[in-house]
Amino acid sequence: MGQKLDDKDMQILELFVDADGPLGSWLVANRLADQGVEQSLATIGRSLNKLERAGCLVQKDKNRGRVITEEGLRALAMNQHIKDLTTQT
């Protein structure tokens, strides 16, 4: 994973962990709105593309949304580990 992922990317990636199927921009936007985060569909689409290029998401079927990959799960675990370390000090 060559791209640096930020907190916004991690928040979006977390939505995919418990998803029972592929998520697209509309579903991500709705789930973020449920968390009180408003983002345009264009911004979400760019974030999803970034996560896909980083290997964290994969689009298995065109126009059917994306699913999380093993790399995405590792990125979330590493992010949580870093948060845990910083809160211990």
N, C-alpha and C. Protein backbone atom coordinates (compact mmCIF):
# COMPACT_ATOMS: atom_id res chain seq x y z
N MET A 1 0.85 -1.17 0.00
CA MET A 1 0.00 0.00 0.00
C MET A 1 0.89 1.22 0.00
N GLY A 2 0.99 1.89 -1.14
CA GLY A 2 1.87 3.04 -1.25
C GLY A 2 1.22 4.36 -0.86
N GLN A 3 -0.09 4.42 -0.88
CA GLN A 3 -0.77 5.68 -0.59
C GLN A 3 -1.02 5.83 0.90
N LYS A 4 -0.85 7.08 1.36
CA LYS A 4 -1.13 7.37 2.76
C LYS A 4 -2.63 7.56 2.93
N LEU A 5 -3.20 6.81 3.86
CA LEU A 5 -4.62 6.90 4.12
C LEU A 5 -4.84 7.78 5.35
N ASP A 6 -5.84 8.66 5.27
CA ASP A 6 -6.12 9.55 6.39
C ASP A 6 -7.33 9.05 7.19
N ASP A 7 -7.70 9.81 8.21
CA ASP A 7 -8.80 9.40 9.09
C ASP A 7 -10.11 9.24 8.32
N LYS A 8 -10.35 10.12 7.35
CA LYS A 8 -11.57 10.03 6.54
C LYS A 8 -11.59 8.71 5.77
N ASP A 9 -10.45 8.33 5.21
CA ASP A 9 -10.35 7.06 4.48
C ASP A 9 -10.63 5.89 5.42
N MET A 10 -10.07 5.96 6.62
CA MET A 10 -10.27 4.88 7.59
C MET A 10 -11.73 4.78 8.01
N GLN A 11 -12.38 5.92 8.18
CA GLN A 11 -13.80 5.92 8.56
C GLN A 11 -14.63 5.26 7.47
N ILE A 12 -14.31 5.56 6.22
CA ILE A 12 -15.03 4.93 5.11
C ILE A 12 -14.72 3.44 5.07
N LEU A 13 -13.48 3.08 5.24
CA LEU A 13 -13.08 1.67 5.19
C LEU A 13 -13.78 0.87 6.28
N GLU A 14 -13.96 1.45 7.45
CA GLU A 14 -14.64 0.76 8.55
C GLU A 14 -16.07 0.38 8.19
N LEU A 15 -16.71 1.16 7.32
CA LEU A 15 -18.08 0.85 6.91
C LEU A 15 -18.16 -0.49 6.18
N PHE A 16 -17.08 -0.89 5.56
CA PHE A 16 -17.07 -2.11 4.76
C PHE A 16 -16.89 -3.37 5.59
N VAL A 17 -16.41 -3.23 6.82
CA VAL A 17 -16.12 -4.40 7.64
C VAL A 17 -17.39 -5.19 7.94
N ASP A 18 -18.44 -4.51 8.35
CA ASP A 18 -19.67 -5.20 8.72
C ASP A 18 -20.70 -5.24 7.59
N ALA A 19 -20.32 -4.76 6.42
CA ALA A 19 -21.25 -4.75 5.29
C ALA A 19 -21.57 -6.18 4.86
N ASP A 20 -22.83 -6.42 4.54
CA ASP A 20 -23.23 -7.75 4.11
C ASP A 20 -23.23 -7.89 2.59
N GLY A 21 -22.54 -6.97 1.94
CA GLY A 21 -22.41 -7.02 0.49
C GLY A 21 -21.63 -5.81 0.02
N PRO A 22 -21.49 -5.67 -1.28
CA PRO A 22 -20.75 -4.52 -1.83
C PRO A 22 -21.43 -3.20 -1.48
N LEU A 23 -20.61 -2.17 -1.27
CA LEU A 23 -21.11 -0.82 -0.99
C LEU A 23 -20.68 0.11 -2.12
N GLY A 24 -21.60 0.96 -2.53
CA GLY A 24 -21.31 1.98 -3.51
C GLY A 24 -21.36 3.35 -2.85
N SER A 25 -21.16 4.38 -3.64
CA SER A 25 -21.11 5.75 -3.12
C SER A 25 -22.37 6.15 -2.37
N TRP A 26 -23.53 5.79 -2.90
CA TRP A 26 -24.79 6.17 -2.25
C TRP A 26 -24.90 5.55 -0.87
N LEU A 27 -24.62 4.26 -0.75
CA LEU A 27 -24.70 3.60 0.55
C LEU A 27 -23.68 4.16 1.53
N VAL A 28 -22.48 4.42 1.05
CA VAL A 28 -21.45 5.01 1.91
C VAL A 28 -21.92 6.38 2.38
N ALA A 29 -22.46 7.19 1.48
CA ALA A 29 -22.95 8.52 1.84
C ALA A 29 -24.04 8.43 2.91
N ASN A 30 -24.96 7.50 2.75
CA ASN A 30 -26.04 7.34 3.72
C ASN A 30 -25.52 6.88 5.07
N ARG A 31 -24.59 5.96 5.07
CA ARG A 31 -24.05 5.46 6.34
C ARG A 31 -23.21 6.52 7.04
N LEU A 32 -22.48 7.32 6.27
CA LEU A 32 -21.73 8.42 6.88
C LEU A 32 -22.69 9.46 7.44
N ALA A 33 -23.77 9.74 6.71
CA ALA A 33 -24.77 10.70 7.20
C ALA A 33 -25.39 10.22 8.51
N ASP A 34 -25.60 8.91 8.63
CA ASP A 34 -26.11 8.34 9.88
C ASP A 34 -25.15 8.59 11.04
N GLN A 35 -23.86 8.75 10.72
CA GLN A 35 -22.84 9.04 11.74
C GLN A 35 -22.63 10.54 11.91
N GLY A 36 -23.42 11.33 11.19
CA GLY A 36 -23.31 12.78 11.29
C GLY A 36 -22.26 13.40 10.39
N VAL A 37 -21.79 12.64 9.42
CA VAL A 37 -20.76 13.12 8.49
C VAL A 37 -21.41 13.34 7.13
N GLU A 38 -21.36 14.57 6.65
CA GLU A 38 -21.91 14.89 5.34
C GLU A 38 -20.77 15.08 4.35
N GLN A 39 -20.79 14.29 3.28
CA GLN A 39 -19.81 14.42 2.20
C GLN A 39 -20.54 14.26 0.88
N SER A 40 -20.07 14.96 -0.13
CA SER A 40 -20.70 14.85 -1.45
C SER A 40 -20.38 13.48 -2.06
N LEU A 41 -21.22 13.07 -2.99
CA LEU A 41 -20.98 11.80 -3.68
C LEU A 41 -19.66 11.83 -4.44
N ALA A 42 -19.30 12.99 -4.98
CA ALA A 42 -18.03 13.10 -5.70
C ALA A 42 -16.85 12.87 -4.76
N THR A 43 -16.91 13.45 -3.58
CA THR A 43 -15.83 13.28 -2.60
C THR A 43 -15.74 11.82 -2.17
N ILE A 44 -16.88 11.22 -1.93
CA ILE A 44 -16.89 9.80 -1.53
C ILE A 44 -16.35 8.94 -2.67
N GLY A 45 -16.75 9.23 -3.89
CA GLY A 45 -16.25 8.48 -5.04
C GLY A 45 -14.74 8.57 -5.17
N ARG A 46 -14.18 9.76 -4.94
CA ARG A 46 -12.72 9.92 -4.99
C ARG A 46 -12.05 9.11 -3.87
N SER A 47 -12.67 9.11 -2.69
CA SER A 47 -12.11 8.32 -1.58
C SER A 47 -12.16 6.83 -1.88
N LEU A 48 -13.27 6.37 -2.46
CA LEU A 48 -13.38 4.96 -2.81
C LEU A 48 -12.34 4.58 -3.86
N ASN A 49 -12.12 5.45 -4.84
CA ASN A 49 -11.09 5.19 -5.85
C ASN A 49 -9.71 5.14 -5.22
N LYS A 50 -9.44 6.05 -4.29
CA LYS A 50 -8.15 6.06 -3.59
C LYS A 50 -7.96 4.75 -2.83
N LEU A 51 -9.00 4.31 -2.12
CA LEU A 51 -8.91 3.06 -1.35
C LEU A 51 -8.75 1.85 -2.27
N GLU A 52 -9.36 1.92 -3.43
CA GLU A 52 -9.20 0.83 -4.41
C GLU A 52 -7.78 0.81 -4.96
N ARG A 53 -7.24 1.97 -5.30
CA ARG A 53 -5.86 2.04 -5.80
C ARG A 53 -4.85 1.58 -4.73
N ALA A 54 -5.20 1.80 -3.47
CA ALA A 54 -4.32 1.39 -2.37
C ALA A 54 -4.44 -0.11 -2.09
N GLY A 55 -5.38 -0.78 -2.75
CA GLY A 55 -5.55 -2.21 -2.56
C GLY A 55 -6.45 -2.57 -1.38
N CYS A 56 -7.11 -1.59 -0.80
CA CYS A 56 -7.96 -1.82 0.37
C CYS A 56 -9.38 -2.24 0.00
N LEU A 57 -9.81 -1.87 -1.18
CA LEU A 57 -11.13 -2.23 -1.69
C LEU A 57 -10.97 -2.81 -3.08
N VAL A 58 -11.94 -3.61 -3.47
CA VAL A 58 -11.95 -4.15 -4.82
C VAL A 58 -13.38 -4.08 -5.35
N GLN A 59 -13.48 -3.77 -6.62
CA GLN A 59 -14.78 -3.73 -7.29
C GLN A 59 -14.88 -4.99 -8.12
N LYS A 60 -15.65 -5.96 -7.62
CA LYS A 60 -15.71 -7.26 -8.29
C LYS A 60 -16.59 -7.24 -9.52
N ASP A 61 -17.63 -6.42 -9.49
CA ASP A 61 -18.57 -6.36 -10.60
C ASP A 61 -18.89 -4.90 -10.86
N LYS A 62 -18.71 -4.45 -12.07
CA LYS A 62 -18.93 -3.04 -12.42
C LYS A 62 -20.31 -2.57 -11.96
N ASN A 63 -20.34 -1.39 -11.33
CA ASN A 63 -21.57 -0.76 -10.85
C ASN A 63 -22.28 -1.54 -9.74
N ARG A 64 -21.56 -2.39 -9.05
CA ARG A 64 -22.17 -3.15 -7.95
C ARG A 64 -21.54 -2.81 -6.60
N GLY A 65 -20.71 -1.80 -6.57
CA GLY A 65 -20.07 -1.41 -5.32
C GLY A 65 -18.76 -2.14 -5.12
N ARG A 66 -18.17 -1.89 -3.97
CA ARG A 66 -16.86 -2.46 -3.64
C ARG A 66 -16.95 -3.25 -2.35
N VAL A 67 -15.97 -4.14 -2.16
CA VAL A 67 -15.85 -4.92 -0.93
C VAL A 67 -14.43 -4.74 -0.40
N ILE A 68 -14.28 -4.97 0.90
CA ILE A 68 -12.98 -4.80 1.54
C ILE A 68 -12.08 -6.00 1.21
N THR A 69 -10.80 -5.75 1.13
CA THR A 69 -9.81 -6.79 0.85
C THR A 69 -9.02 -7.11 2.13
N GLU A 70 -8.19 -8.12 2.05
CA GLU A 70 -7.30 -8.44 3.17
C GLU A 70 -6.39 -7.25 3.49
N GLU A 71 -5.93 -6.57 2.45
CA GLU A 71 -5.09 -5.38 2.63
C GLU A 71 -5.86 -4.29 3.39
N GLY A 72 -7.14 -4.14 3.08
CA GLY A 72 -7.97 -3.18 3.78
C GLY A 72 -8.13 -3.53 5.25
N LEU A 73 -8.32 -4.81 5.52
CA LEU A 73 -8.43 -5.26 6.92
C LEU A 73 -7.12 -5.03 7.67
N ARG A 74 -5.99 -5.27 6.98
CA ARG A 74 -4.69 -5.02 7.61
C ARG A 74 -4.49 -3.53 7.90
N ALA A 75 -4.92 -2.68 6.97
CA ALA A 75 -4.78 -1.24 7.16
C ALA A 75 -5.60 -0.78 8.37
N LEU A 76 -6.80 -1.31 8.51
CA LEU A 76 -7.62 -0.96 9.68
C LEU A 76 -6.99 -1.45 10.97
N ALA A 77 -6.45 -2.67 10.96
CA ALA A 77 -5.81 -3.22 12.15
C ALA A 77 -4.59 -2.39 12.53
N MET A 78 -3.80 -2.00 11.55
CA MET A 78 -2.61 -1.19 11.81
C MET A 78 -3.01 0.18 12.35
N ASN A 79 -4.03 0.76 11.77
CA ASN A 79 -4.52 2.06 12.23
C ASN A 79 -4.98 1.98 13.69
N GLN A 80 -5.69 0.91 14.02
CA GLN A 80 -6.15 0.73 15.41
C GLN A 80 -4.97 0.52 16.35
N HIS A 81 -3.97 -0.23 15.90
CA HIS A 81 -2.79 -0.48 16.72
C HIS A 81 -2.06 0.85 17.02
N ILE A 82 -1.94 1.70 16.00
CA ILE A 82 -1.29 2.99 16.19
C ILE A 82 -2.10 3.85 17.17
N LYS A 83 -3.41 3.85 17.04
CA LYS A 83 -4.26 4.60 17.97
C LYS A 83 -4.07 4.10 19.39
N ASP A 84 -4.03 2.77 19.53
CA ASP A 84 -3.83 2.18 20.87
C ASP A 84 -2.50 2.61 21.47
N LEU A 85 -1.45 2.60 20.65
CA LEU A 85 -0.12 3.00 21.14
C LEU A 85 -0.08 4.45 21.56
N THR A 86 -0.75 5.31 20.80
CA THR A 86 -0.71 6.73 21.12
C THR A 86 -1.55 7.07 22.34
N THR A 87 -2.55 6.27 22.63
CA THR A 87 -3.37 6.55 23.82
C THR A 87 -2.71 5.99 25.09
N GLN A 88 -1.74 5.10 24.96
CA GLN A 88 -1.05 4.54 26.12
C GLN A 88 -0.01 5.48 26.69
N THR A 89 0.44 6.42 25.89
CA THR A 89 1.51 7.32 26.38
C THR A 89 0.99 8.52 27.09
